[in-house]
Amino acid sequence: MVDTNYISSIVKILESPNKISLNKTLLGIKFRVQFPQIQNSQVVHLIFWGNLANDVSNYYQINDYIMIEGYLSVSTKYFLNRGKQNSKKFEITVLKVYPFLLSSN
């Protein structure tokens, strides 16, 4: 089951982007981020498509902060052989991205 919600937040980039593609013309990138304003926050995967993917891979790097807007997807997998244990995966498909600069004062 997958639920989706619109989200806007500031995130910290944890790794360099991995390229993904559905076909030869539609390219995207995916990488992990963390919410810096929440202590002990969970790692979330961001997905960017098309020209936005190219811009993000060219202009942003590890440990940069960015403000994002997009759809949060939470998918839950249930394992029958492990009893009631389940696994949740959080992904945000990003529609808009803005640079976020921290002041050094």
PDB file of N, CA and C in Angstrom:
ATOM      1  N   MET A   1       0.834  -1.167   0.000  1.00  0.00           N
ATOM      2  CA  MET A   1       0.000   0.000   0.000  1.00  0.00           C
ATOM      3  C   MET A   1       0.886   1.239   0.000  1.00  0.00           C
ATOM      4  N   VAL A   2       0.500   2.263  -0.743  1.00  0.00           N
ATOM      5  CA  VAL A   2       1.277   3.493  -0.840  1.00  0.00           C
ATOM      6  C   VAL A   2       0.356   4.679  -0.582  1.00  0.00           C
ATOM      7  N   ASP A   3       0.764   5.567   0.336  1.00  0.00           N
ATOM      8  CA  ASP A   3       0.052   6.809   0.605  1.00  0.00           C
ATOM      9  C   ASP A   3       0.941   7.955   0.156  1.00  0.00           C
ATOM     10  N   THR A   4       0.345   9.028  -0.395  1.00  0.00           N
ATOM     11  CA  THR A   4       1.148  10.163  -0.831  1.00  0.00           C
ATOM     12  C   THR A   4       0.601  11.454  -0.234  1.00  0.00           C
ATOM     13  N   ASN A   5       1.516  12.369   0.066  1.00  0.00           N
ATOM     14  CA  ASN A   5       1.195  13.678   0.607  1.00  0.00           C
ATOM     15  C   ASN A   5       2.175  14.697   0.058  1.00  0.00           C
ATOM     16  N   TYR A   6       1.699  15.956  -0.093  1.00  0.00           N
ATOM     17  CA  TYR A   6       2.571  17.031  -0.554  1.00  0.00           C
ATOM     18  C   TYR A   6       3.383  17.537   0.623  1.00  0.00           C
ATOM     19  N   ILE A   7       4.678  17.759   0.407  1.00  0.00           N
ATOM     20  CA  ILE A   7       5.570  18.158   1.488  1.00  0.00           C
ATOM     21  C   ILE A   7       6.498  19.270   1.015  1.00  0.00           C
ATOM     22  N   SER A   8       6.858  20.143   1.941  1.00  0.00           N
ATOM     23  CA  SER A   8       7.848  21.190   1.699  1.00  0.00           C
ATOM     24  C   SER A   8       8.759  21.218   2.912  1.00  0.00           C
ATOM     25  N   SER A   9      10.072  21.123   2.689  1.00  0.00           N
ATOM     26  CA  SER A   9      10.995  21.050   3.817  1.00  0.00           C
ATOM     27  C   SER A   9      12.409  21.384   3.379  1.00  0.00           C
ATOM     28  N   ILE A  10      13.257  21.616   4.375  1.00  0.00           N
ATOM     29  CA  ILE A  10      14.685  21.803   4.155  1.00  0.00           C
ATOM     30  C   ILE A  10      15.359  20.468   4.473  1.00  0.00           C
ATOM     31  N   VAL A  11      16.262  20.044   3.598  1.00  0.00           N
ATOM     32  CA  VAL A  11      16.944  18.767   3.783  1.00  0.00           C
ATOM     33  C   VAL A  11      18.441  18.945   3.564  1.00  0.00           C
ATOM     34  N   LYS A  12      19.204  18.011   4.134  1.00  0.00           N
ATOM     35  CA  LYS A  12      20.656  17.983   3.969  1.00  0.00           C
ATOM     36  C   LYS A  12      21.015  16.792   3.092  1.00  0.00           C
ATOM     37  N   ILE A  13      21.801  17.015   2.046  1.00  0.00           N
ATOM     38  CA  ILE A  13      22.194  15.965   1.112  1.00  0.00           C
ATOM     39  C   ILE A  13      23.270  15.089   1.757  1.00  0.00           C
ATOM     40  N   LEU A  14      23.045  13.775   1.766  1.00  0.00           N
ATOM     41  CA  LEU A  14      23.963  12.839   2.409  1.00  0.00           C
ATOM     42  C   LEU A  14      24.877  12.088   1.449  1.00  0.00           C
ATOM     43  N   GLU A  15      24.507  12.003   0.174  1.00  0.00           N
ATOM     44  CA  GLU A  15      25.313  11.231  -0.770  1.00  0.00           C
ATOM     45  C   GLU A  15      25.217  11.829  -2.166  1.00  0.00           C
ATOM     46  N   SER A  16      26.136  11.433  -3.031  1.00  0.00           N
ATOM     47  CA  SER A  16      26.100  11.895  -4.416  1.00  0.00           C
ATOM     48  C   SER A  16      24.977  11.168  -5.157  1.00  0.00           C
ATOM     49  N   PRO A  17      24.422  11.805  -6.182  1.00  0.00           N
ATOM     50  CA  PRO A  17      23.259  11.228  -6.867  1.00  0.00           C
ATOM     51  C   PRO A  17      23.572   9.972  -7.669  1.00  0.00           C
ATOM     52  N   ASN A  18      22.612   9.062  -7.683  1.00  0.00           N
ATOM     53  CA  ASN A  18      22.664   7.859  -8.521  1.00  0.00           C
ATOM     54  C   ASN A  18      21.700   8.053  -9.678  1.00  0.00           C
ATOM     55  N   LYS A  19      22.169   7.800 -10.892  1.00  0.00           N
ATOM     56  CA  LYS A  19      21.315   7.967 -12.067  1.00  0.00           C
ATOM     57  C   LYS A  19      20.360   6.793 -12.193  1.00  0.00           C
ATOM     58  N   ILE A  20      19.121   7.127 -12.568  1.00  0.00           N
ATOM     59  CA  ILE A  20      18.107   6.108 -12.851  1.00  0.00           C
ATOM     60  C   ILE A  20      17.434   6.479 -14.161  1.00  0.00           C
ATOM     61  N   SER A  21      16.916   5.499 -14.863  1.00  0.00           N
ATOM     62  CA  SER A  21      16.214   5.790 -16.111  1.00  0.00           C
ATOM     63  C   SER A  21      15.120   4.761 -16.345  1.00  0.00           C
ATOM     64  N   LEU A  22      14.033   5.246 -16.929  1.00  0.00           N
ATOM     65  CA  LEU A  22      12.938   4.357 -17.311  1.00  0.00           C
ATOM     66  C   LEU A  22      13.067   3.938 -18.765  1.00  0.00           C
ATOM     67  N   ASN A  23      13.517   4.853 -19.566  1.00  0.00           N
ATOM     68  CA  ASN A  23      13.856   4.557 -20.962  1.00  0.00           C
ATOM     69  C   ASN A  23      14.994   5.504 -21.340  1.00  0.00           C
ATOM     70  N   LYS A  24      15.425   5.474 -22.555  1.00  0.00           N
ATOM     71  CA  LYS A  24      16.594   6.269 -22.937  1.00  0.00           C
ATOM     72  C   LYS A  24      16.344   7.767 -22.915  1.00  0.00           C
ATOM     73  N   THR A  25      15.086   8.199 -22.979  1.00  0.00           N
ATOM     74  CA  THR A  25      14.811   9.629 -23.030  1.00  0.00           C
ATOM     75  C   THR A  25      14.443  10.224 -21.675  1.00  0.00           C
ATOM     76  N   LEU A  26      13.978   9.428 -20.727  1.00  0.00           N
ATOM     77  CA  LEU A  26      13.567   9.934 -19.427  1.00  0.00           C
ATOM     78  C   LEU A  26      14.592   9.536 -18.374  1.00  0.00           C
ATOM     79  N   LEU A  27      15.388  10.518 -17.955  1.00  0.00           N
ATOM     80  CA  LEU A  27      16.446  10.256 -16.980  1.00  0.00           C
ATOM     81  C   LEU A  27      16.104  10.915 -15.652  1.00  0.00           C
ATOM     82  N   GLY A  28      16.600  10.330 -14.586  1.00  0.00           N
ATOM     83  CA  GLY A  28      16.388  10.876 -13.265  1.00  0.00           C
ATOM     84  C   GLY A  28      17.562  10.565 -12.370  1.00  0.00           C
ATOM     85  N   ILE A  29      17.526  11.142 -11.168  1.00  0.00           N
ATOM     86  CA  ILE A  29      18.532  10.842 -10.161  1.00  0.00           C
ATOM     87  C   ILE A  29      17.835  10.563  -8.840  1.00  0.00           C
ATOM     88  N   LYS A  30      18.556   9.845  -7.987  1.00  0.00           N
ATOM     89  CA  LYS A  30      18.018   9.478  -6.689  1.00  0.00           C
ATOM     90  C   LYS A  30      19.164   9.536  -5.685  1.00  0.00           C
ATOM     91  N   PHE A  31      18.922  10.141  -4.512  1.00  0.00           N
ATOM     92  CA  PHE A  31      19.916  10.148  -3.449  1.00  0.00           C
ATOM     93  C   PHE A  31      19.246  10.311  -2.090  1.00  0.00           C
ATOM     94  N   ARG A  32      20.037  10.034  -1.043  1.00  0.00           N
ATOM     95  CA  ARG A  32      19.514  10.075   0.316  1.00  0.00           C
ATOM     96  C   ARG A  32      19.731  11.450   0.934  1.00  0.00           C
ATOM     97  N   VAL A  33      18.752  11.875   1.749  1.00  0.00           N
ATOM     98  CA  VAL A  33      18.828  13.133   2.488  1.00  0.00           C
ATOM     99  C   VAL A  33      18.325  12.906   3.903  1.00  0.00           C
ATOM    100  N   GLN A  34      18.527  13.930   4.736  1.00  0.00           N
ATOM    101  CA  GLN A  34      18.056  13.877   6.110  1.00  0.00           C
ATOM    102  C   GLN A  34      17.459  15.228   6.464  1.00  0.00           C
ATOM    103  N   PHE A  35      16.425  15.223   7.319  1.00  0.00           N
ATOM    104  CA  PHE A  35      15.813  16.449   7.802  1.00  0.00           C
ATOM    105  C   PHE A  35      16.638  16.987   8.970  1.00  0.00           C
ATOM    106  N   PRO A  36      17.346  18.125   8.807  1.00  0.00           N
ATOM    107  CA  PRO A  36      18.230  18.598   9.879  1.00  0.00           C
ATOM    108  C   PRO A  36      17.475  19.159  11.083  1.00  0.00           C
ATOM    109  N   GLN A  37      16.226  19.560  10.921  1.00  0.00           N
ATOM    110  CA  GLN A  37      15.484  20.174  12.010  1.00  0.00           C
ATOM    111  C   GLN A  37      14.856  19.160  12.959  1.00  0.00           C
ATOM    112  N   ILE A  38      14.965  17.871  12.656  1.00  0.00           N
ATOM    113  CA  ILE A  38      14.399  16.822  13.495  1.00  0.00           C
ATOM    114  C   ILE A  38      15.537  15.963  14.033  1.00  0.00           C
ATOM    115  N   GLN A  39      15.623  15.843  15.354  1.00  0.00           N
ATOM    116  CA  GLN A  39      16.672  15.013  15.939  1.00  0.00           C
ATOM    117  C   GLN A  39      16.367  13.544  15.685  1.00  0.00           C
ATOM    118  N   ASN A  40      17.397  12.780  15.440  1.00  0.00           N
ATOM    119  CA  ASN A  40      17.268  11.341  15.161  1.00  0.00           C
ATOM    120  C   ASN A  40      16.295  11.074  14.021  1.00  0.00           C
ATOM    121  N   SER A  41      16.346  11.911  13.008  1.00  0.00           N
ATOM    122  CA  SER A  41      15.404  11.747  11.890  1.00  0.00           C
ATOM    123  C   SER A  41      15.834  10.597  10.990  1.00  0.00           C
ATOM    124  N   GLN A  42      14.874  10.102  10.296  1.00  0.00           N
ATOM    125  CA  GLN A  42      15.103   8.979   9.399  1.00  0.00           C
ATOM    126  C   GLN A  42      15.618   9.478   8.053  1.00  0.00           C
ATOM    127  N   VAL A  43      16.358   8.652   7.384  1.00  0.00           N
ATOM    128  CA  VAL A  43      16.871   8.987   6.062  1.00  0.00           C
ATOM    129  C   VAL A  43      15.756   8.793   5.042  1.00  0.00           C
ATOM    130  N   VAL A  44      15.664   9.734   4.106  1.00  0.00           N
ATOM    131  CA  VAL A  44      14.629   9.721   3.074  1.00  0.00           C
ATOM    132  C   VAL A  44      15.316   9.765   1.713  1.00  0.00           C
ATOM    133  N   HIS A  45      14.757   9.109   0.732  1.00  0.00           N
ATOM    134  CA  HIS A  45      15.275   9.151  -0.635  1.00  0.00           C
ATOM    135  C   HIS A  45      14.540  10.237  -1.422  1.00  0.00           C
ATOM    136  N   LEU A  46      15.299  11.066  -2.149  1.00  0.00           N
ATOM    137  CA  LEU A  46      14.714  12.052  -3.063  1.00  0.00           C
ATOM    138  C   LEU A  46      14.861  11.547  -4.480  1.00  0.00           C
ATOM    139  N   ILE A  47      13.832  11.792  -5.299  1.00  0.00           N
ATOM    140  CA  ILE A  47      13.867  11.420  -6.711  1.00  0.00           C
ATOM    141  C   ILE A  47      13.583  12.672  -7.537  1.00  0.00           C
ATOM    142  N   PHE A  48      14.457  12.935  -8.503  1.00  0.00           N
ATOM    143  CA  PHE A  48      14.319  14.072  -9.416  1.00  0.00           C
ATOM    144  C   PHE A  48      14.247  13.529 -10.838  1.00  0.00           C
ATOM    145  N   TRP A  49      13.425  14.143 -11.681  1.00  0.00           N
ATOM    146  CA  TRP A  49      13.280  13.699 -13.072  1.00  0.00           C
ATOM    147  C   TRP A  49      13.578  14.832 -14.046  1.00  0.00           C
ATOM    148  N   GLY A  50      14.050  14.482 -15.228  1.00  0.00           N
ATOM    149  CA  GLY A  50      14.209  15.415 -16.347  1.00  0.00           C
ATOM    150  C   GLY A  50      15.250  16.487 -16.119  1.00  0.00           C
ATOM    151  N   ASN A  51      14.908  17.718 -16.548  1.00  0.00           N
ATOM    152  CA  ASN A  51      15.842  18.839 -16.441  1.00  0.00           C
ATOM    153  C   ASN A  51      16.170  19.172 -14.992  1.00  0.00           C
ATOM    154  N   LEU A  52      15.219  18.978 -14.110  1.00  0.00           N
ATOM    155  CA  LEU A  52      15.478  19.230 -12.692  1.00  0.00           C
ATOM    156  C   LEU A  52      16.562  18.292 -12.172  1.00  0.00           C
ATOM    157  N   ALA A  53      16.574  17.061 -12.633  1.00  0.00           N
ATOM    158  CA  ALA A  53      17.614  16.098 -12.241  1.00  0.00           C
ATOM    159  C   ALA A  53      18.986  16.570 -12.705  1.00  0.00           C
ATOM    160  N   ASN A  54      19.071  17.080 -13.932  1.00  0.00           N
ATOM    161  CA  ASN A  54      20.344  17.602 -14.441  1.00  0.00           C
ATOM    162  C   ASN A  54      20.815  18.800 -13.628  1.00  0.00           C
ATOM    163  N   ASP A  55      19.909  19.717 -13.311  1.00  0.00           N
ATOM    164  CA  ASP A  55      20.271  20.902 -12.543  1.00  0.00           C
ATOM    165  C   ASP A  55      20.764  20.540 -11.147  1.00  0.00           C
ATOM    166  N   VAL A  56      20.068  19.636 -10.494  1.00  0.00           N
ATOM    167  CA  VAL A  56      20.458  19.245  -9.136  1.00  0.00           C
ATOM    168  C   VAL A  56      21.825  18.567  -9.144  1.00  0.00           C
ATOM    169  N   SER A  57      22.071  17.677 -10.090  1.00  0.00           N
ATOM    170  CA  SER A  57      23.364  16.989 -10.126  1.00  0.00           C
ATOM    171  C   SER A  57      24.506  17.939 -10.473  1.00  0.00           C
ATOM    172  N   ASN A  58      24.220  19.024 -11.209  1.00  0.00           N
ATOM    173  CA  ASN A  58      25.265  19.990 -11.575  1.00  0.00           C
ATOM    174  C   ASN A  58      25.561  21.009 -10.483  1.00  0.00           C
ATOM    175  N   TYR A  59      24.551  21.422  -9.709  1.00  0.00           N
ATOM    176  CA  TYR A  59      24.706  22.546  -8.800  1.00  0.00           C
ATOM    177  C   TYR A  59      24.816  22.190  -7.320  1.00  0.00           C
ATOM    178  N   TYR A  60      24.427  21.002  -6.927  1.00  0.00           N
ATOM    179  CA  TYR A  60      24.430  20.656  -5.505  1.00  0.00           C
ATOM    180  C   TYR A  60      25.348  19.475  -5.240  1.00  0.00           C
ATOM    181  N   GLN A  61      25.874  19.429  -4.018  1.00  0.00           N
ATOM    182  CA  GLN A  61      26.804  18.364  -3.653  1.00  0.00           C
ATOM    183  C   GLN A  61      26.523  17.907  -2.225  1.00  0.00           C
ATOM    184  N   ILE A  62      27.297  16.939  -1.757  1.00  0.00           N
ATOM    185  CA  ILE A  62      27.122  16.384  -0.418  1.00  0.00           C
ATOM    186  C   ILE A  62      27.279  17.487   0.634  1.00  0.00           C
ATOM    187  N   ASN A  63      26.443  17.435   1.673  1.00  0.00           N
ATOM    188  CA  ASN A  63      26.389  18.375   2.801  1.00  0.00           C
ATOM    189  C   ASN A  63      25.774  19.721   2.457  1.00  0.00           C
ATOM    190  N   ASP A  64      25.240  19.900   1.269  1.00  0.00           N
ATOM    191  CA  ASP A  64      24.483  21.104   0.936  1.00  0.00           C
ATOM    192  C   ASP A  64      23.080  20.984   1.517  1.00  0.00           C
ATOM    193  N   TYR A  65      22.491  22.136   1.823  1.00  0.00           N
ATOM    194  CA  TYR A  65      21.106  22.192   2.277  1.00  0.00           C
ATOM    195  C   TYR A  65      20.251  22.724   1.139  1.00  0.00           C
ATOM    196  N   ILE A  66      19.129  22.103   0.898  1.00  0.00           N
ATOM    197  CA  ILE A  66      18.209  22.558  -0.139  1.00  0.00           C
ATOM    198  C   ILE A  66      16.784  22.557   0.416  1.00  0.00           C
ATOM    199  N   MET A  67      15.973  23.441  -0.127  1.00  0.00           N
ATOM    200  CA  MET A  67      14.546  23.446   0.209  1.00  0.00           C
ATOM    201  C   MET A  67      13.828  22.759  -0.942  1.00  0.00           C
ATOM    202  N   ILE A  68      12.969  21.802  -0.607  1.00  0.00           N
ATOM    203  CA  ILE A  68      12.300  21.010  -1.636  1.00  0.00           C
ATOM    204  C   ILE A  68      10.789  21.084  -1.474  1.00  0.00           C
ATOM    205  N   GLU A  69      10.107  20.862  -2.582  1.00  0.00           N
ATOM    206  CA  GLU A  69       8.657  20.682  -2.594  1.00  0.00           C
ATOM    207  C   GLU A  69       8.376  19.469  -3.455  1.00  0.00           C
ATOM    208  N   GLY A  70       7.508  18.606  -2.976  1.00  0.00           N
ATOM    209  CA  GLY A  70       7.191  17.419  -3.749  1.00  0.00           C
ATOM    210  C   GLY A  70       6.220  16.513  -3.030  1.00  0.00           C
ATOM    211  N   TYR A  71       6.095  15.301  -3.533  1.00  0.00           N
ATOM    212  CA  TYR A  71       5.156  14.332  -2.977  1.00  0.00           C
ATOM    213  C   TYR A  71       5.901  13.267  -2.188  1.00  0.00           C
ATOM    214  N   LEU A  72       5.465  13.089  -0.941  1.00  0.00           N
ATOM    215  CA  LEU A  72       6.032  12.070  -0.062  1.00  0.00           C
ATOM    216  C   LEU A  72       5.271  10.769  -0.268  1.00  0.00           C
ATOM    217  N   SER A  73       6.001   9.711  -0.514  1.00  0.00           N
ATOM    218  CA  SER A  73       5.416   8.382  -0.662  1.00  0.00           C
ATOM    219  C   SER A  73       5.949   7.486   0.447  1.00  0.00           C
ATOM    220  N   VAL A  74       5.051   6.803   1.109  1.00  0.00           N
ATOM    221  CA  VAL A  74       5.418   5.857   2.153  1.00  0.00           C
ATOM    222  C   VAL A  74       4.882   4.502   1.728  1.00  0.00           C
ATOM    223  N   SER A  75       5.797   3.600   1.458  1.00  0.00           N
ATOM    224  CA  SER A  75       5.360   2.256   1.083  1.00  0.00           C
ATOM    225  C   SER A  75       5.716   1.299   2.215  1.00  0.00           C
ATOM    226  N   THR A  76       4.798   0.408   2.505  1.00  0.00           N
ATOM    227  CA  THR A  76       4.972  -0.557   3.583  1.00  0.00           C
ATOM    228  C   THR A  76       5.002  -1.956   3.006  1.00  0.00           C
ATOM    229  N   LYS A  77       5.995  -2.720   3.409  1.00  0.00           N
ATOM    230  CA  LYS A  77       6.090  -4.118   2.992  1.00  0.00           C
ATOM    231  C   LYS A  77       5.898  -4.993   4.224  1.00  0.00           C
ATOM    232  N   TYR A  78       5.014  -5.946   4.095  1.00  0.00           N
ATOM    233  CA  TYR A  78       4.767  -6.888   5.177  1.00  0.00           C
ATOM    234  C   TYR A  78       5.436  -8.213   4.845  1.00  0.00           C
ATOM    235  N   PHE A  79       6.106  -8.775   5.819  1.00  0.00           N
ATOM    236  CA  PHE A  79       6.784 -10.052   5.640  1.00  0.00           C
ATOM    237  C   PHE A  79       6.007 -11.118   6.393  1.00  0.00           C
ATOM    238  N   LEU A  80       5.445 -12.062   5.665  1.00  0.00           N
ATOM    239  CA  LEU A  80       4.638 -13.103   6.282  1.00  0.00           C
ATOM    240  C   LEU A  80       5.463 -14.051   7.140  1.00  0.00           C
ATOM    241  N   ASN A  81       6.683 -14.316   6.723  1.00  0.00           N
ATOM    242  CA  ASN A  81       7.504 -15.271   7.455  1.00  0.00           C
ATOM    243  C   ASN A  81       8.175 -14.667   8.689  1.00  0.00           C
ATOM    244  N   ARG A  82       8.076 -13.362   8.897  1.00  0.00           N
ATOM    245  CA  ARG A  82       8.701 -12.702  10.052  1.00  0.00           C
ATOM    246  C   ARG A  82       7.675 -12.247  11.086  1.00  0.00           C
ATOM    247  N   GLY A  83       6.504 -12.773  11.048  1.00  0.00           N
ATOM    248  CA  GLY A  83       5.480 -12.360  12.003  1.00  0.00           C
ATOM    249  C   GLY A  83       4.905 -11.007  11.649  1.00  0.00           C
ATOM    250  N   LYS A  84       4.843 -10.093  12.618  1.00  0.00           N
ATOM    251  CA  LYS A  84       4.221  -8.787  12.398  1.00  0.00           C
ATOM    252  C   LYS A  84       5.221  -7.709  12.002  1.00  0.00           C
ATOM    253  N   GLN A  85       6.455  -8.070  11.717  1.00  0.00           N
ATOM    254  CA  GLN A  85       7.443  -7.085  11.306  1.00  0.00           C
ATOM    255  C   GLN A  85       7.085  -6.530   9.932  1.00  0.00           C
ATOM    256  N   ASN A  86       7.308  -5.255   9.751  1.00  0.00           N
ATOM    257  CA  ASN A  86       7.112  -4.655   8.440  1.00  0.00           C
ATOM    258  C   ASN A  86       8.238  -3.667   8.164  1.00  0.00           C
ATOM    259  N   SER A  87       8.341  -3.253   6.927  1.00  0.00           N
ATOM    260  CA  SER A  87       9.399  -2.337   6.505  1.00  0.00           C
ATOM    261  C   SER A  87       8.762  -1.157   5.787  1.00  0.00           C
ATOM    262  N   LYS A  88       9.126   0.058   6.202  1.00  0.00           N
ATOM    263  CA  LYS A  88       8.602   1.262   5.563  1.00  0.00           C
ATOM    264  C   LYS A  88       9.723   1.951   4.807  1.00  0.00           C
ATOM    265  N   LYS A  89       9.391   2.427   3.610  1.00  0.00           N
ATOM    266  CA  LYS A  89      10.347   3.137   2.770  1.00  0.00           C
ATOM    267  C   LYS A  89       9.754   4.503   2.444  1.00  0.00           C
ATOM    268  N   PHE A  90      10.536   5.565   2.715  1.00  0.00           N
ATOM    269  CA  PHE A  90      10.084   6.929   2.481  1.00  0.00           C
ATOM    270  C   PHE A  90      10.812   7.495   1.272  1.00  0.00           C
ATOM    271  N   GLU A  91      10.050   7.992   0.297  1.00  0.00           N
ATOM    272  CA  GLU A  91      10.613   8.634  -0.901  1.00  0.00           C
ATOM    273  C   GLU A  91       9.855   9.919  -1.166  1.00  0.00           C
ATOM    274  N   ILE A  92      10.574  10.926  -1.645  1.00  0.00           N
ATOM    275  CA  ILE A  92       9.955  12.180  -2.043  1.00  0.00           C
ATOM    276  C   ILE A  92      10.287  12.411  -3.504  1.00  0.00           C
ATOM    277  N   THR A  93       9.250  12.509  -4.327  1.00  0.00           N
ATOM    278  CA  THR A  93       9.421  12.885  -5.727  1.00  0.00           C
ATOM    279  C   THR A  93       9.379  14.405  -5.776  1.00  0.00           C
ATOM    280  N   VAL A  94      10.522  15.020  -6.066  1.00  0.00           N
ATOM    281  CA  VAL A  94      10.678  16.465  -5.949  1.00  0.00           C
ATOM    282  C   VAL A  94      10.202  17.156  -7.225  1.00  0.00           C
ATOM    283  N   LEU A  95       9.379  18.204  -7.032  1.00  0.00           N
ATOM    284  CA  LEU A  95       8.891  19.016  -8.148  1.00  0.00           C
ATOM    285  C   LEU A  95       9.610  20.356  -8.240  1.00  0.00           C
ATOM    286  N   LYS A  96      10.011  20.902  -7.084  1.00  0.00           N
ATOM    287  CA  LYS A  96      10.712  22.192  -7.037  1.00  0.00           C
ATOM    288  C   LYS A  96      11.848  22.095  -6.029  1.00  0.00           C
ATOM    289  N   VAL A  97      12.949  22.766  -6.333  1.00  0.00           N
ATOM    290  CA  VAL A  97      14.097  22.787  -5.421  1.00  0.00           C
ATOM    291  C   VAL A  97      14.672  24.202  -5.394  1.00  0.00           C
ATOM    292  N   TYR A  98      15.090  24.630  -4.190  1.00  0.00           N
ATOM    293  CA  TYR A  98      15.655  25.962  -3.988  1.00  0.00           C
ATOM    294  C   TYR A  98      16.926  25.821  -3.155  1.00  0.00           C
ATOM    295  N   PRO A  99      17.954  26.637  -3.427  1.00  0.00           N
ATOM    296  CA  PRO A  99      19.148  26.581  -2.574  1.00  0.00           C
ATOM    297  C   PRO A  99      18.819  27.180  -1.208  1.00  0.00           C
ATOM    298  N   PHE A 100      19.451  26.650  -0.179  1.00  0.00           N
ATOM    299  CA  PHE A 100      19.257  27.150   1.177  1.00  0.00           C
ATOM    300  C   PHE A 100      20.630  27.383   1.766  1.00  0.00           C
ATOM    301  N   LEU A 101      20.942  28.640   2.066  1.00  0.00           N
ATOM    302  CA  LEU A 101      22.261  28.999   2.572  1.00  0.00           C
ATOM    303  C   LEU A 101      22.176  29.298   4.058  1.00  0.00           C
ATOM    304  N   LEU A 102      23.101  28.751   4.815  1.00  0.00           N
ATOM    305  CA  LEU A 102      23.190  29.037   6.243  1.00  0.00           C
ATOM    306  C   LEU A 102      24.096  30.232   6.445  1.00  0.00           C
ATOM    307  N   SER A 103      23.669  31.170   7.280  1.00  0.00           N
ATOM    308  CA  SER A 103      24.505  32.333   7.537  1.00  0.00           C
ATOM    309  C   SER A 103      25.634  31.956   8.484  1.00  0.00           C
ATOM    310  N   SER A 104      26.784  32.564   8.315  1.00  0.00           N
ATOM    311  CA  SER A 104      27.956  32.228   9.135  1.00  0.00           C
ATOM    312  C   SER A 104      28.214  33.279  10.199  1.00  0.00           C
ATOM    313  N   ASN A 105      27.195  33.996  10.645  1.00  0.00           N
ATOM    314  CA  ASN A 105      27.367  35.046  11.667  1.00  0.00           C
ATOM    315  C   ASN A 105      27.467  34.455  13.038  1.00  0.00           C
TER     316      ASN A 105
END
